[in-house]
Structures are given as C-alpha cells and as structure tokens.
Amino acid sequence: MQIKAIVEFSRRIFKKEMNRGAKFTSSYEVFQHYGPMLRGLQQESFFAVLLDNKNRVIKHIEIAKGTINSCAVHVRDILRLALKEGCLSMILLHNHPSGDAEPSREDRELTDRVKSACELCGVNVLDHVVVAGNTYVSFADRGLI
C-alpha cells in the first residue's frame, strides 16, 4: 500500500497541467509532460492533445480507456472531439502498460486511419507518441506519420 501511495503521490507531483496556449516543440516534451501520468497506469489509455493554428494547446482529452493490452479507439470519436473544439492539428498519445513502447500493428493502422480521416476535415495529425515506463516512441521521429 505504501508503494502504491508513493507512486500515486509522485504521479500527482510530476503531472504538470498544460496551460491553454502552451506549445510542445518536440516529442520529448510531450513525453516529459505526459509520461509521469501514463507510466503507472495498469490499463491502456488513449489521449488526443488538440492544438490551434499555431500548434498551441487547446486541451487534451482522454478518448478511451482499455485493458492491460488493448484500447478500443474509434476514429469518429477523435474526429468529433477535434471538430467540436475547433482544433487544426493534434497529437495522439497512449500508453503501453507492458513496458514495451514499440507500436503494434494496430497502433500503426489506427494512426493511418485517424490521419486520413482528419486530413479530409483539414485537421493535421502531427504525431502519435506511445509511452511505456521510462521510454517512448514517436511516430513522427520515426517517419511513420
């Protein structure tokens, strides 16, 4: 119980609230901000960080919460929220509780579907960051997006 309390306390200390208008300039900054929040979760959680025309944060939204090794994410839910908030670009973000940040085939396919759907509506998907423990993988850094 003490270890769980320490982990939760640490997550709360290190979780910085991203102010509206703040700007990420790299995948590492995304990882630094969201890593502490995501690394201790026991189930996959999928987020979208919605950005304005100057890539400033409008807000971040949890799209779905899943199981230890999967998370059912629907493109329509992401697109609906993006359009509702008036974002022009976004960063996709989720965790892998397994500790392996390597994107799965499903992660790559979902990213492609979201990117295609968003392009039709004038929304740019800048990156998809997968967080696992103290490491991460950026689709943009790998040229996958």
C-alpha atoms as a PDB file:
ATOM      1  CA  MET A   1       0.000   0.000   0.000  1.00  0.00           C
ATOM      2  CA  GLN A   2       2.833   2.398   0.793  1.00  0.00           C
ATOM      3  CA  ILE A   3       4.445   1.795  -2.594  1.00  0.00           C
ATOM      4  CA  LYS A   4       1.139   2.423  -4.373  1.00  0.00           C
ATOM      5  CA  ALA A   5       0.673   5.614  -2.367  1.00  0.00           C
ATOM      6  CA  ILE A   6       4.189   6.784  -3.252  1.00  0.00           C
ATOM      7  CA  VAL A   7       3.627   6.056  -6.953  1.00  0.00           C
ATOM      8  CA  GLU A   8       0.325   7.961  -6.935  1.00  0.00           C
ATOM      9  CA  PHE A   9       1.847  10.868  -4.997  1.00  0.00           C
ATOM     10  CA  SER A  10       4.774  11.025  -7.449  1.00  0.00           C
ATOM     11  CA  ARG A  11       2.417  10.974 -10.433  1.00  0.00           C
ATOM     12  CA  ARG A  12       0.479  13.902  -8.972  1.00  0.00           C
ATOM     13  CA  ILE A  13       3.628  15.889  -8.199  1.00  0.00           C
ATOM     14  CA  PHE A  14       5.113  15.413 -11.660  1.00  0.00           C
ATOM     15  CA  LYS A  15       1.869  15.840 -13.581  1.00  0.00           C
ATOM     16  CA  LYS A  16       2.034  19.428 -14.725  1.00  0.00           C
ATOM     17  CA  GLU A  17      -1.172  20.918 -16.024  1.00  0.00           C
ATOM     18  CA  MET A  18      -0.630  22.043 -19.600  1.00  0.00           C
ATOM     19  CA  ASN A  19      -1.960  25.574 -19.820  1.00  0.00           C
ATOM     20  CA  ARG A  20      -4.109  26.562 -22.745  1.00  0.00           C
ATOM     21  CA  GLY A  21      -1.789  28.240 -25.225  1.00  0.00           C
ATOM     22  CA  ALA A  22       1.311  26.285 -24.195  1.00  0.00           C
ATOM     23  CA  LYS A  23       3.291  24.756 -27.033  1.00  0.00           C
ATOM     24  CA  PHE A  24       5.118  21.446 -27.488  1.00  0.00           C
ATOM     25  CA  THR A  25       8.136  21.675 -29.771  1.00  0.00           C
ATOM     26  CA  SER A  26       9.266  18.031 -29.688  1.00  0.00           C
ATOM     27  CA  SER A  27       8.086  14.519 -28.955  1.00  0.00           C
ATOM     28  CA  TYR A  28      10.391  14.548 -25.929  1.00  0.00           C
ATOM     29  CA  GLU A  29       8.449  17.472 -24.451  1.00  0.00           C
ATOM     30  CA  VAL A  30       5.205  15.534 -24.966  1.00  0.00           C
ATOM     31  CA  PHE A  31       6.785  12.550 -23.197  1.00  0.00           C
ATOM     32  CA  GLN A  32       8.109  14.725 -20.350  1.00  0.00           C
ATOM     33  CA  HIS A  33       4.668  16.173 -19.760  1.00  0.00           C
ATOM     34  CA  TYR A  34       2.502  13.067 -20.103  1.00  0.00           C
ATOM     35  CA  GLY A  35       4.976  10.322 -19.160  1.00  0.00           C
ATOM     36  CA  PRO A  36       4.559  10.653 -15.385  1.00  0.00           C
ATOM     37  CA  MET A  37       0.787  10.471 -15.740  1.00  0.00           C
ATOM     38  CA  LEU A  38       0.774   7.478 -18.106  1.00  0.00           C
ATOM     39  CA  ARG A  39       3.646   5.295 -16.927  1.00  0.00           C
ATOM     40  CA  GLY A  40       1.942   3.972 -13.805  1.00  0.00           C
ATOM     41  CA  LEU A  41      -1.417   3.138 -15.356  1.00  0.00           C
ATOM     42  CA  GLN A  42      -2.398  -0.533 -15.355  1.00  0.00           C
ATOM     43  CA  GLN A  43      -4.577  -0.253 -18.477  1.00  0.00           C
ATOM     44  CA  GLU A  44      -4.098   1.410 -21.839  1.00  0.00           C
ATOM     45  CA  SER A  45      -5.420   4.961 -22.056  1.00  0.00           C
ATOM     46  CA  PHE A  46      -5.629   6.928 -25.302  1.00  0.00           C
ATOM     47  CA  PHE A  47      -5.491  10.736 -25.458  1.00  0.00           C
ATOM     48  CA  ALA A  48      -5.629  13.453 -28.074  1.00  0.00           C
ATOM     49  CA  VAL A  49      -3.818  16.743 -27.487  1.00  0.00           C
ATOM     50  CA  LEU A  50      -5.768  19.292 -29.515  1.00  0.00           C
ATOM     51  CA  LEU A  51      -3.856  22.238 -30.981  1.00  0.00           C
ATOM     52  CA  ASP A  52      -4.751  25.537 -32.635  1.00  0.00           C
ATOM     53  CA  ASN A  53      -3.386  27.024 -35.873  1.00  0.00           C
ATOM     54  CA  LYS A  54      -0.066  27.893 -34.174  1.00  0.00           C
ATOM     55  CA  ASN A  55       0.220  24.439 -32.566  1.00  0.00           C
ATOM     56  CA  ARG A  56      -0.695  25.792 -29.143  1.00  0.00           C
ATOM     57  CA  VAL A  57      -2.606  23.514 -26.782  1.00  0.00           C
ATOM     58  CA  ILE A  58      -6.361  23.980 -26.741  1.00  0.00           C
ATOM     59  CA  LYS A  59      -6.864  20.992 -24.425  1.00  0.00           C
ATOM     60  CA  HIS A  60      -6.080  17.320 -24.001  1.00  0.00           C
ATOM     61  CA  ILE A  61      -8.853  14.766 -23.900  1.00  0.00           C
ATOM     62  CA  GLU A  62      -8.921  11.133 -22.854  1.00  0.00           C
ATOM     63  CA  ILE A  63     -10.564   9.368 -25.786  1.00  0.00           C
ATOM     64  CA  ALA A  64     -10.681   5.827 -24.409  1.00  0.00           C
ATOM     65  CA  LYS A  65      -9.550   3.595 -21.572  1.00  0.00           C
ATOM     66  CA  GLY A  66      -8.977  -0.091 -22.220  1.00  0.00           C
ATOM     67  CA  THR A  67      -7.449  -3.217 -20.748  1.00  0.00           C
ATOM     68  CA  ILE A  68      -3.874  -4.155 -19.960  1.00  0.00           C
ATOM     69  CA  ASN A  69      -3.054  -4.797 -23.616  1.00  0.00           C
ATOM     70  CA  SER A  70      -5.657  -3.050 -25.754  1.00  0.00           C
ATOM     71  CA  CYS A  71      -7.822   0.022 -26.027  1.00  0.00           C
ATOM     72  CA  ALA A  72     -10.818   0.322 -28.348  1.00  0.00           C
ATOM     73  CA  VAL A  73     -10.445   3.666 -30.080  1.00  0.00           C
ATOM     74  CA  HIS A  74     -12.859   4.836 -32.754  1.00  0.00           C
ATOM     75  CA  VAL A  75     -11.789   7.366 -35.363  1.00  0.00           C
ATOM     76  CA  ARG A  76     -15.201   9.053 -35.225  1.00  0.00           C
ATOM     77  CA  ASP A  77     -14.741   9.849 -31.503  1.00  0.00           C
ATOM     78  CA  ILE A  78     -11.392  11.524 -32.133  1.00  0.00           C
ATOM     79  CA  LEU A  79     -12.696  13.455 -35.125  1.00  0.00           C
ATOM     80  CA  ARG A  80     -15.901  14.533 -33.369  1.00  0.00           C
ATOM     81  CA  LEU A  81     -13.945  15.979 -30.433  1.00  0.00           C
ATOM     82  CA  ALA A  82     -11.377  17.637 -32.690  1.00  0.00           C
ATOM     83  CA  LEU A  83     -14.054  19.388 -34.712  1.00  0.00           C
ATOM     84  CA  LYS A  84     -16.081  20.327 -31.641  1.00  0.00           C
ATOM     85  CA  GLU A  85     -13.041  22.035 -30.093  1.00  0.00           C
ATOM     86  CA  GLY A  86     -12.062  23.718 -33.372  1.00  0.00           C
ATOM     87  CA  CYS A  87      -8.559  22.295 -33.457  1.00  0.00           C
ATOM     88  CA  LEU A  88      -6.444  22.422 -36.592  1.00  0.00           C
ATOM     89  CA  SER A  89      -3.885  19.844 -35.524  1.00  0.00           C
ATOM     90  CA  MET A  90      -3.409  17.211 -32.852  1.00  0.00           C
ATOM     91  CA  ILE A  91      -1.004  14.827 -31.208  1.00  0.00           C
ATOM     92  CA  LEU A  92      -2.198  11.309 -30.435  1.00  0.00           C
ATOM     93  CA  LEU A  93      -0.881   9.757 -27.245  1.00  0.00           C
ATOM     94  CA  HIS A  94      -1.295   6.470 -25.417  1.00  0.00           C
ATOM     95  CA  ASN A  95       0.499   4.140 -23.041  1.00  0.00           C
ATOM     96  CA  HIS A  96       1.624   0.519 -23.150  1.00  0.00           C
ATOM     97  CA  PRO A  97       1.425  -0.946 -19.615  1.00  0.00           C
ATOM     98  CA  SER A  98       3.560  -3.892 -20.819  1.00  0.00           C
ATOM     99  CA  GLY A  99       6.632  -1.649 -20.698  1.00  0.00           C
ATOM    100  CA  ASP A 100       7.349  -2.091 -24.428  1.00  0.00           C
ATOM    101  CA  ALA A 101       6.884   1.217 -26.275  1.00  0.00           C
ATOM    102  CA  GLU A 102       7.158  -0.361 -29.715  1.00  0.00           C
ATOM    103  CA  PRO A 103       3.962   0.482 -31.667  1.00  0.00           C
ATOM    104  CA  SER A 104       1.816  -2.520 -32.516  1.00  0.00           C
ATOM    105  CA  ARG A 105       0.364  -3.202 -35.945  1.00  0.00           C
ATOM    106  CA  GLU A 106      -2.975  -1.990 -34.556  1.00  0.00           C
ATOM    107  CA  ASP A 107      -1.354   1.256 -33.368  1.00  0.00           C
ATOM    108  CA  ARG A 108       0.054   1.900 -36.842  1.00  0.00           C
ATOM    109  CA  GLU A 109      -3.243   1.066 -38.560  1.00  0.00           C
ATOM    110  CA  LEU A 110      -5.250   3.289 -36.201  1.00  0.00           C
ATOM    111  CA  THR A 111      -2.815   6.157 -36.742  1.00  0.00           C
ATOM    112  CA  ASP A 112      -3.167   5.817 -40.518  1.00  0.00           C
ATOM    113  CA  ARG A 113      -6.986   5.773 -40.289  1.00  0.00           C
ATOM    114  CA  VAL A 114      -7.096   8.797 -37.968  1.00  0.00           C
ATOM    115  CA  LYS A 115      -4.634  10.720 -40.144  1.00  0.00           C
ATOM    116  CA  SER A 116      -6.658  10.001 -43.307  1.00  0.00           C
ATOM    117  CA  ALA A 117      -9.977  10.967 -41.709  1.00  0.00           C
ATOM    118  CA  CYS A 118      -8.532  14.132 -40.195  1.00  0.00           C
ATOM    119  CA  GLU A 119      -6.979  15.223 -43.491  1.00  0.00           C
ATOM    120  CA  LEU A 120     -10.458  15.171 -45.071  1.00  0.00           C
ATOM    121  CA  CYS A 121     -11.584  17.699 -42.457  1.00  0.00           C
ATOM    122  CA  GLY A 122      -8.486  19.908 -42.525  1.00  0.00           C
ATOM    123  CA  VAL A 123      -7.017  18.624 -39.252  1.00  0.00           C
ATOM    124  CA  ASN A 124      -3.327  17.670 -39.218  1.00  0.00           C
ATOM    125  CA  VAL A 125      -2.097  14.749 -37.065  1.00  0.00           C
ATOM    126  CA  LEU A 126       1.418  15.846 -36.058  1.00  0.00           C
ATOM    127  CA  ASP A 127       2.497  12.820 -34.049  1.00  0.00           C
ATOM    128  CA  HIS A 128       1.452   9.708 -32.162  1.00  0.00           C
ATOM    129  CA  VAL A 129       3.504   9.139 -29.025  1.00  0.00           C
ATOM    130  CA  VAL A 130       3.485   5.756 -27.267  1.00  0.00           C
ATOM    131  CA  VAL A 131       4.644   5.866 -23.628  1.00  0.00           C
ATOM    132  CA  ALA A 132       5.884   2.760 -21.811  1.00  0.00           C
ATOM    133  CA  GLY A 133       7.581   3.143 -18.460  1.00  0.00           C
ATOM    134  CA  ASN A 134      10.548   5.478 -18.795  1.00  0.00           C
ATOM    135  CA  THR A 135      10.656   5.323 -22.576  1.00  0.00           C
ATOM    136  CA  TYR A 136       8.575   6.359 -25.560  1.00  0.00           C
ATOM    137  CA  VAL A 137       8.275   6.025 -29.318  1.00  0.00           C
ATOM    138  CA  SER A 138       7.283   8.909 -31.577  1.00  0.00           C
ATOM    139  CA  PHE A 139       5.716   8.120 -34.952  1.00  0.00           C
ATOM    140  CA  ALA A 140       6.944  11.476 -36.272  1.00  0.00           C
ATOM    141  CA  ASP A 141      10.529  10.871 -35.124  1.00  0.00           C
ATOM    142  CA  ARG A 142      10.473   7.517 -36.918  1.00  0.00           C
ATOM    143  CA  GLY A 143       8.970   8.953 -40.089  1.00  0.00           C
ATOM    144  CA  LEU A 144       5.773   6.922 -39.666  1.00  0.00           C
ATOM    145  CA  ILE A 145       3.483   9.916 -39.859  1.00  0.00           C
END
